[in-house]
Amino acid sequence: MSPLPPPSEDVYDRIRLRQWSAGRARSAGIDRRDLLRLLAAGAAAVPMASVAAPAQATAARSDDGLPGVVKPLPPHLFTLRGTNAETNFAALKGTGPLTPADRFFVRNHTATPRVDRDTWKLTVWGDGLKGGPVDFGYAELRALPSVTRTAFVECAGNGRSFFASQQGQEVSGTAWTLGAIGTARWRGVRLGDVLRRAGIGRHAVDVLPRGLDAEVVTDGVNLGRVRRPVPVAKALDDVLLAYEMNGAPLPPDHGYPVRVIVPSWVGIANIKWVGDIEVSAEPLLTPWNTGLYRLFGPGYPPEGSAPLARQTLKSAFELARGASFRAHRRSVLTGRSWSGGAPVGSVEVSTDGGRHWRRARLHDAPRAGSWVRWSADWVPTRRGTTELLARATDRSGRTQPKATAHNTQGYLFDAVVRHPVTVS
């Protein structure tokens, strides 16, 4: 008899939530009481300040002054936000469909570790394997058949600040605008190929990659190293263990020597500096799919939504907020739209605060997991302030809404963003 097909991502995560609530899922690497505390904090939108425990690897420091980041972060390219660096979207203009590594946003929970690829190894282990642990060295991994995939990586909180500035709603977390995203051409090996070589069993349920960065300590609770399980069906599908970014070895801040790429999923699933992968025969829960990376608030159950998986639909102008234009002179507005679901089908632009809309020109073939560049001509005739708006519609017919349903941690903001400018 053929095995039943695996459940969909959403159905699987809801099954996992019920199993954990009933005590039938395992807390991977953290006490269950601490997970419950984190869950309560997420539901109450309690701001949580993270303090890194000492890293086993040497922490880095940027020449521009952000501890824990290797590459320079000049202010014309980045806005610094805690341990993170947000790409200024205007800096992407003219860069093509791929985000250069020097402009790719940085999302660090602690600090960028310095890892020696010659001593690095990936250990695949767990009761979801037919046998014992299996190690893969860097050279051994690179000797496997490689694949190349273009995909964006985007923080689940990208756009979070607009819950407050546009909707007047309080949320916790890093106050990103729209620059917590980057698209790259990733080269590596299929995670599925590695799991099969390690002897994954038919009884496997979850696959849990874990990073080599420092353990995260929040409000006195050690959450351990960053890790986020994915269903085995997803792990065997299109997930990549990447060792190159845009044709070059991964930079330190972006996961060197090897990172996980989970196309179209929220950024937390794309574990950097991966050091081990647990393959489990039972559901796994960590801080990053319980109190974090769920939707809490009105309209959601007390335990929150299912863990976040696919990203949502967004658009952004390649333009600084508050930019100035000259009246009666032609300008070309440029931007990008993207979706974690169906490919972007069309983009509309408004130059009068949303009263009138017109189609933008698309400059890329729409495809899943990547963005589309677009442009629209504008000859402003009225002096003063106005707001530019861009909204995308994907090929499933879904269009960016006027407002996003509130959630306490400000995830998955997908509403049309109002971009203020001045005409003189």
Protein backbone atom coordinates (compact mmCIF):
# COMPACT_ATOMS: atom_id res chain seq x y z
CA MET A 1 0.00 0.00 0.00
CA SER A 2 1.34 3.44 -0.90
CA PRO A 3 1.91 5.84 2.02
CA LEU A 4 -0.51 8.72 2.44
CA PRO A 5 0.73 12.02 1.04
CA PRO A 6 2.14 14.39 3.67
CA PRO A 7 -0.27 17.06 4.95
CA SER A 8 -0.06 20.62 3.68
CA GLU A 9 2.18 23.06 5.57
CA ASP A 10 -0.72 24.80 7.31
CA VAL A 11 -2.52 21.58 8.21
CA TYR A 12 0.69 20.03 9.47
CA ASP A 13 1.51 23.00 11.73
CA ARG A 14 -1.99 23.00 13.21
CA ILE A 15 -1.64 19.30 13.96
CA ARG A 16 1.69 20.04 15.61
CA LEU A 17 0.16 22.85 17.71
CA ARG A 18 -2.57 20.52 19.00
CA GLN A 19 0.00 17.83 19.75
CA TRP A 20 2.16 20.23 21.72
CA SER A 21 -0.81 21.65 23.64
CA ALA A 22 -1.68 18.07 24.63
CA GLY A 23 1.91 17.29 25.61
CA ARG A 24 2.55 15.02 22.60
CA ALA A 25 5.26 17.11 20.92
CA ARG A 26 8.81 17.51 22.12
CA SER A 27 10.40 20.81 23.11
CA ALA A 28 13.74 20.70 21.31
CA GLY A 29 16.52 22.10 23.47
CA ILE A 30 14.47 24.21 25.90
CA ASP A 31 12.42 23.51 29.02
CA ARG A 32 8.68 23.27 28.36
CA ARG A 33 8.00 25.80 31.14
CA ASP A 34 10.23 28.34 29.42
CA LEU A 35 8.39 27.73 26.15
CA LEU A 36 5.09 28.40 27.91
CA ARG A 37 6.51 31.62 29.34
CA LEU A 38 7.65 32.70 25.87
CA LEU A 39 4.23 31.84 24.46
CA ALA A 40 2.55 34.05 27.08
CA ALA A 41 4.93 36.91 26.32
CA GLY A 42 4.19 36.67 22.61
CA ALA A 43 0.45 36.74 23.21
CA ALA A 44 0.82 39.86 25.39
CA ALA A 45 3.13 41.69 22.97
CA VAL A 46 5.78 42.03 25.69
CA PRO A 47 8.89 43.63 24.17
CA MET A 48 11.74 41.16 24.61
CA ALA A 49 15.33 42.41 24.68
CA SER A 50 17.83 39.78 23.60
CA VAL A 51 21.24 39.56 25.20
CA ALA A 52 23.72 37.21 23.57
CA ALA A 53 25.58 34.64 25.58
CA PRO A 54 29.32 34.41 24.84
CA ALA A 55 29.92 32.97 21.39
CA GLN A 56 32.14 29.93 20.95
CA ALA A 57 33.39 31.42 17.70
CA THR A 58 35.08 34.82 17.55
CA ALA A 59 32.50 37.60 17.22
CA ALA A 60 33.01 40.16 14.47
CA ARG A 61 32.73 43.94 14.38
CA SER A 62 31.91 46.20 11.44
CA ASP A 63 34.25 49.07 10.58
CA ASP A 64 31.14 51.27 10.68
CA GLY A 65 30.54 50.52 14.34
CA LEU A 66 27.88 47.81 14.62
CA PRO A 67 29.18 45.09 16.92
CA GLY A 68 28.75 41.59 15.62
CA VAL A 69 28.67 42.41 11.91
CA VAL A 70 31.65 41.91 9.57
CA LYS A 71 30.88 43.95 6.47
CA PRO A 72 30.84 47.76 6.31
CA LEU A 73 27.41 49.32 6.83
CA PRO A 74 27.62 52.83 5.33
CA PRO A 75 24.58 55.01 6.12
CA HIS A 76 23.70 55.55 2.46
CA LEU A 77 23.16 51.79 2.13
CA PHE A 78 21.85 50.74 5.55
CA THR A 79 19.82 51.83 8.54
CA LEU A 80 21.08 50.18 11.74
CA ARG A 81 18.46 48.58 13.97
CA GLY A 82 19.88 46.95 17.09
CA THR A 83 21.95 43.93 16.03
CA ASN A 84 20.52 44.27 12.51
CA ALA A 85 21.06 46.37 9.40
CA GLU A 86 18.17 47.26 7.07
CA THR A 87 18.83 47.91 3.41
CA ASN A 88 17.81 51.40 2.30
CA PHE A 89 15.52 50.57 -0.60
CA ALA A 90 16.73 53.56 -2.63
CA ALA A 91 20.18 51.90 -2.69
CA LEU A 92 18.77 49.04 -4.80
CA LYS A 93 17.96 51.28 -7.77
CA GLY A 94 19.93 50.16 -10.80
CA THR A 95 21.37 47.05 -9.13
CA GLY A 96 19.49 44.55 -11.27
CA PRO A 97 17.35 41.64 -10.10
CA LEU A 98 19.91 40.33 -7.59
CA THR A 99 20.83 42.15 -4.39
CA PRO A 100 24.60 42.71 -4.20
CA ALA A 101 26.11 41.17 -1.07
CA ASP A 102 27.31 44.58 0.12
CA ARG A 103 23.65 45.77 0.18
CA PHE A 104 21.96 42.63 1.48
CA PHE A 105 20.22 43.22 4.82
CA VAL A 106 21.62 41.65 7.99
CA ARG A 107 19.36 39.91 10.52
CA ASN A 108 21.38 38.68 13.49
CA HIS A 109 19.96 37.37 16.74
CA THR A 110 23.39 37.69 18.33
CA ALA A 111 26.62 38.17 16.36
CA THR A 112 28.19 36.88 13.18
CA PRO A 113 30.46 33.95 14.12
CA ARG A 114 33.75 33.37 12.31
CA VAL A 115 33.73 29.75 11.16
CA ASP A 116 36.67 27.88 9.63
CA ARG A 117 35.35 25.91 6.67
CA ASP A 118 38.26 23.44 6.86
CA THR A 119 37.18 22.29 10.35
CA TRP A 120 33.45 22.88 9.83
CA LYS A 121 31.21 19.87 9.56
CA LEU A 122 27.47 19.31 9.25
CA THR A 123 26.10 16.58 11.52
CA VAL A 124 22.76 15.00 10.57
CA TRP A 125 21.32 13.06 13.48
CA GLY A 126 18.12 12.03 15.24
CA ASP A 127 15.60 9.24 15.68
CA GLY A 128 14.14 10.00 12.25
CA LEU A 129 17.17 8.37 10.65
CA LYS A 130 17.51 4.67 9.96
CA GLY A 131 20.94 4.64 11.58
CA GLY A 132 23.24 6.84 13.64
CA PRO A 133 24.60 10.36 13.04
CA VAL A 134 26.26 11.16 9.72
CA ASP A 135 28.83 13.94 9.21
CA PHE A 136 29.45 15.94 6.04
CA GLY A 137 32.56 18.10 5.61
CA TYR A 138 32.65 21.21 3.42
CA ALA A 139 34.54 19.51 0.57
CA GLU A 140 32.26 16.47 0.79
CA LEU A 141 29.18 18.68 0.55
CA ARG A 142 30.57 20.54 -2.46
CA ALA A 143 31.29 17.22 -4.19
CA LEU A 144 27.56 16.41 -4.25
CA PRO A 145 25.42 17.41 -7.27
CA SER A 146 24.78 21.15 -7.07
CA VAL A 147 21.73 23.24 -7.91
CA THR A 148 21.31 26.99 -8.37
CA ARG A 149 18.17 28.76 -7.25
CA THR A 150 17.19 32.45 -7.25
CA ALA A 151 15.16 33.28 -4.17
CA PHE A 152 14.51 36.11 -1.76
CA VAL A 153 15.13 35.96 1.98
CA GLU A 154 12.82 38.24 3.98
CA CYS A 155 12.36 38.77 7.68
CA ALA A 156 8.82 37.97 8.87
CA GLY A 157 8.73 41.43 10.48
CA ASN A 158 9.57 43.33 7.30
CA GLY A 159 7.23 46.36 7.19
CA ARG A 160 6.52 46.10 10.95
CA SER A 161 6.88 49.85 11.58
CA PHE A 162 3.83 50.59 9.43
CA PHE A 163 1.51 48.95 11.95
CA ALA A 164 2.27 52.00 14.12
CA SER A 165 2.83 54.75 11.53
CA GLN A 166 -0.09 53.87 9.20
CA GLN A 167 -2.51 51.94 11.40
CA GLY A 168 -1.84 53.40 14.85
CA GLN A 169 -1.32 49.95 16.40
CA GLU A 170 1.32 48.97 18.95
CA VAL A 171 3.55 46.00 18.13
CA SER A 172 6.82 44.61 19.51
CA GLY A 173 10.02 43.83 17.60
CA THR A 174 12.51 45.50 15.29
CA ALA A 175 10.96 48.53 13.56
CA TRP A 176 11.75 47.53 9.97
CA THR A 177 10.39 49.58 7.09
CA LEU A 178 10.59 47.52 3.84
CA GLY A 179 14.32 46.81 3.56
CA ALA A 180 14.54 43.52 5.48
CA ILE A 181 14.64 41.59 2.21
CA GLY A 182 17.18 40.61 -0.40
CA THR A 183 17.18 38.40 -3.49
CA ALA A 184 20.22 36.34 -4.46
CA ARG A 185 21.27 33.48 -6.70
CA TRP A 186 22.09 30.68 -4.27
CA ARG A 187 24.17 27.65 -5.19
CA GLY A 188 24.40 24.54 -3.08
CA VAL A 189 23.00 21.04 -2.63
CA ARG A 190 19.46 19.91 -2.08
CA LEU A 191 18.73 19.27 1.57
CA GLY A 192 16.72 16.27 0.42
CA ASP A 193 19.83 14.72 -1.17
CA VAL A 194 21.77 15.14 2.08
CA LEU A 195 18.93 13.68 4.15
CA ARG A 196 18.64 10.67 1.86
CA ARG A 197 22.40 10.06 2.05
CA ALA A 198 22.12 10.27 5.85
CA GLY A 199 19.39 7.60 5.78
CA ILE A 200 16.17 9.47 6.51
CA GLY A 201 13.42 7.03 7.49
CA ARG A 202 9.79 6.90 6.40
CA HIS A 203 8.85 7.64 10.01
CA ALA A 204 10.58 11.07 10.00
CA VAL A 205 8.30 14.00 10.81
CA ASP A 206 10.40 17.13 11.40
CA VAL A 207 13.76 18.44 10.19
CA LEU A 208 15.47 20.94 12.51
CA PRO A 209 18.55 22.87 11.29
CA ARG A 210 20.50 24.73 13.98
CA GLY A 211 22.96 27.60 13.59
CA LEU A 212 26.47 28.02 14.98
CA ASP A 213 25.92 31.57 16.24
CA ALA A 214 25.80 32.26 19.98
CA GLU A 215 22.96 31.12 22.19
CA VAL A 216 20.18 33.65 22.62
CA VAL A 217 19.30 34.76 26.15
CA THR A 218 16.01 36.63 26.56
CA ASP A 219 14.68 37.94 29.86
CA GLY A 220 16.93 35.54 31.74
CA VAL A 221 15.88 32.50 29.70
CA ASN A 222 18.45 30.75 27.54
CA LEU A 223 16.66 29.94 24.31
CA GLY A 224 19.67 28.14 22.86
CA ARG A 225 20.97 28.52 19.33
CA VAL A 226 18.62 29.70 16.60
CA ARG A 227 16.65 26.77 15.15
CA ARG A 228 13.29 26.36 13.45
CA PRO A 229 11.79 23.01 12.35
CA VAL A 230 10.32 22.48 8.91
CA PRO A 231 8.02 19.61 7.95
CA VAL A 232 9.81 16.72 6.30
CA ALA A 233 7.75 17.22 3.13
CA LYS A 234 9.14 20.75 2.72
CA ALA A 235 12.67 19.66 3.62
CA LEU A 236 12.60 17.03 0.87
CA ASP A 237 11.11 19.44 -1.66
CA ASP A 238 12.97 22.63 -2.57
CA VAL A 239 15.14 23.47 0.46
CA LEU A 240 18.79 24.19 -0.29
CA LEU A 241 22.01 23.95 1.71
CA ALA A 242 23.73 26.92 0.07
CA TYR A 243 27.46 27.63 0.01
CA GLU A 244 27.49 30.36 -2.67
CA MET A 245 25.67 33.68 -3.02
CA ASN A 246 25.66 35.47 -6.40
CA GLY A 247 28.53 33.33 -7.68
CA ALA A 248 30.86 33.78 -4.69
CA PRO A 249 31.31 31.98 -1.36
CA LEU A 250 28.79 33.08 1.25
CA PRO A 251 29.96 36.22 3.09
CA PRO A 252 30.33 35.77 6.88
CA ASP A 253 27.21 37.85 7.70
CA HIS A 254 25.10 35.75 5.33
CA GLY A 255 25.89 32.29 6.60
CA TYR A 256 29.45 31.25 5.66
CA PRO A 257 30.31 28.50 5.09
CA VAL A 258 26.82 26.93 4.63
CA ARG A 259 23.29 28.15 5.25
CA VAL A 260 19.74 26.94 4.71
CA ILE A 261 17.55 28.49 2.01
CA VAL A 262 13.82 27.73 2.29
CA PRO A 263 12.29 29.43 -0.78
CA SER A 264 9.30 31.70 -0.11
CA TRP A 265 9.28 31.01 3.65
CA VAL A 266 9.81 33.59 6.38
CA GLY A 267 13.44 34.45 7.07
CA ILE A 268 13.73 32.57 10.36
CA ALA A 269 13.53 29.25 8.49
CA ASN A 270 16.65 30.17 6.49
CA ILE A 271 19.16 29.25 9.20
CA LYS A 272 22.63 30.77 8.76
CA TRP A 273 25.94 29.09 9.72
CA VAL A 274 24.17 25.73 9.96
CA GLY A 275 26.10 23.21 12.05
CA ASP A 276 23.71 20.33 12.65
CA ILE A 277 20.33 19.07 11.51
CA GLU A 278 18.09 16.93 13.69
CA VAL A 279 15.73 14.56 11.90
CA SER A 280 12.93 13.70 14.29
CA ALA A 281 10.26 11.00 14.39
CA GLU A 282 8.02 13.29 16.48
CA PRO A 283 6.98 16.94 16.21
CA LEU A 284 9.57 19.45 17.44
CA LEU A 285 8.91 22.82 18.99
CA THR A 286 11.40 25.62 19.68
CA PRO A 287 11.05 29.27 20.73
CA TRP A 288 11.08 30.19 17.05
CA ASN A 289 7.81 28.44 16.23
CA THR A 290 5.90 28.87 19.51
CA GLY A 291 6.04 32.27 21.26
CA LEU A 292 7.88 33.72 18.28
CA TYR A 293 6.81 33.58 14.64
CA ARG A 294 3.12 32.99 15.28
CA LEU A 295 0.31 35.53 15.02
CA PHE A 296 -1.22 36.63 18.32
CA GLY A 297 -3.96 39.15 18.99
CA PRO A 298 -7.62 39.74 18.18
CA GLY A 299 -8.93 37.11 15.81
CA TYR A 300 -6.32 34.52 16.77
CA PRO A 301 -6.62 31.68 19.30
CA PRO A 302 -4.87 32.12 22.69
CA GLU A 303 -2.03 29.84 21.58
CA GLY A 304 -1.62 31.89 18.41
CA SER A 305 -1.84 30.98 14.76
CA ALA A 306 -0.02 28.09 13.15
CA PRO A 307 3.73 28.80 12.91
CA LEU A 308 4.50 31.21 10.09
CA ALA A 309 5.55 29.60 6.84
CA ARG A 310 5.15 31.44 3.54
CA GLN A 311 5.82 35.13 3.12
CA THR A 312 3.18 37.57 1.97
CA LEU A 313 2.68 40.14 -0.84
CA LYS A 314 4.53 43.50 -0.76
CA SER A 315 5.68 46.43 -2.88
CA ALA A 316 8.29 49.12 -2.33
CA PHE A 317 9.58 52.19 -4.18
CA GLU A 318 13.32 52.49 -4.83
CA LEU A 319 13.13 55.94 -3.35
CA ALA A 320 13.96 57.65 -0.06
CA ARG A 321 10.98 58.65 2.05
CA GLY A 322 10.43 62.41 1.78
CA ALA A 323 12.19 62.66 -1.60
CA SER A 324 11.72 65.84 -3.65
CA PHE A 325 10.54 66.20 -7.26
CA ARG A 326 10.32 69.20 -9.59
CA ALA A 327 6.92 70.18 -10.88
CA HIS A 328 6.26 69.75 -14.64
CA ARG A 329 9.36 67.61 -15.09
CA ARG A 330 9.19 63.96 -16.09
CA SER A 331 10.43 61.47 -13.55
CA VAL A 332 10.58 57.69 -13.66
CA LEU A 333 9.40 55.97 -10.50
CA THR A 334 10.92 52.55 -9.92
CA GLY A 335 10.28 49.81 -7.40
CA ARG A 336 9.91 46.11 -6.71
CA SER A 337 7.07 43.78 -5.75
CA TRP A 338 7.27 40.23 -4.42
CA SER A 339 5.22 37.40 -2.98
CA GLY A 340 5.78 34.15 -1.10
CA GLY A 341 2.70 32.69 -2.79
CA ALA A 342 1.71 32.95 -6.43
CA PRO A 343 4.01 35.05 -8.66
CA VAL A 344 3.28 38.76 -8.96
CA GLY A 345 1.01 39.33 -11.96
CA SER A 346 0.61 43.12 -12.08
CA VAL A 347 1.53 46.30 -10.22
CA GLU A 348 -0.40 49.57 -10.01
CA VAL A 349 0.95 52.95 -8.93
CA SER A 350 -0.83 56.01 -7.52
CA THR A 351 0.81 59.45 -7.34
CA ASP A 352 -2.08 61.23 -5.61
CA GLY A 353 -2.48 59.34 -2.36
CA GLY A 354 -4.60 56.54 -3.80
CA ARG A 355 -7.34 58.45 -5.63
CA HIS A 356 -6.23 57.27 -9.07
CA TRP A 357 -4.25 54.20 -10.13
CA ARG A 358 -2.44 53.14 -13.31
CA ARG A 359 -0.49 50.10 -14.40
CA ALA A 360 3.28 50.03 -13.95
CA ARG A 361 5.61 48.43 -16.50
CA LEU A 362 7.08 45.12 -15.36
CA HIS A 363 10.75 44.53 -16.17
CA ASP A 364 11.10 40.89 -15.10
CA ALA A 365 9.23 37.71 -15.87
CA PRO A 366 7.10 37.00 -12.79
CA ARG A 367 8.20 33.89 -10.93
CA ALA A 368 7.59 32.36 -7.55
CA GLY A 369 10.06 33.17 -4.79
CA SER A 370 11.56 36.24 -6.46
CA TRP A 371 10.64 39.85 -7.01
CA VAL A 372 9.59 41.83 -10.06
CA ARG A 373 11.11 45.21 -10.90
CA TRP A 374 8.73 47.83 -12.29
CA SER A 375 8.59 51.47 -13.37
CA ALA A 376 6.08 54.21 -14.07
CA ASP A 377 6.46 57.71 -15.58
CA TRP A 378 5.29 60.72 -13.57
CA VAL A 379 5.04 64.39 -14.45
CA PRO A 380 3.87 66.12 -11.24
CA THR A 381 1.75 69.22 -11.82
CA ARG A 382 0.85 70.33 -8.30
CA ARG A 383 3.38 71.64 -5.82
CA GLY A 384 3.27 70.52 -2.22
CA THR A 385 3.23 67.17 -0.49
CA THR A 386 1.68 63.99 -1.80
CA GLU A 387 1.92 60.25 -1.23
CA LEU A 388 3.05 57.64 -3.70
CA LEU A 389 1.46 54.19 -3.45
CA ALA A 390 2.23 50.90 -5.14
CA ARG A 391 0.12 47.76 -4.93
CA ALA A 392 0.70 44.34 -6.42
CA THR A 393 -1.72 41.63 -7.47
CA ASP A 394 -0.47 38.07 -7.72
CA ARG A 395 -1.55 35.47 -10.24
CA SER A 396 -3.99 33.93 -7.78
CA GLY A 397 -5.92 37.23 -7.84
CA ARG A 398 -4.80 38.41 -4.39
CA THR A 399 -4.15 42.17 -4.13
CA GLN A 400 -2.39 44.09 -1.38
CA PRO A 401 -5.05 45.42 1.04
CA LYS A 402 -5.44 48.91 2.51
CA ALA A 403 -4.69 47.58 5.99
CA THR A 404 -3.18 44.47 7.57
CA ALA A 405 -4.96 42.62 10.35
CA HIS A 406 -3.19 43.47 13.59
CA ASN A 407 -0.97 40.98 15.38
CA THR A 408 0.99 41.75 18.53
CA GLN A 409 4.47 41.08 17.11
CA GLY A 410 3.94 42.87 13.82
CA TYR A 411 4.51 40.02 11.40
CA LEU A 412 3.54 39.73 7.71
CA PHE A 413 2.58 43.37 7.06
CA ASP A 414 1.16 43.30 3.53
CA ALA A 415 -0.86 46.52 3.21
CA VAL A 416 -0.11 49.19 0.62
CA VAL A 417 2.59 51.46 2.06
CA ARG A 418 2.13 55.23 1.77
CA HIS A 419 5.35 56.87 0.58
CA PRO A 420 5.50 60.65 1.28
CA VAL A 421 7.23 62.96 -1.22
CA THR A 422 7.39 66.70 -1.95
CA VAL A 423 6.88 68.50 -5.27
CA SER A 424 8.48 71.94 -5.65
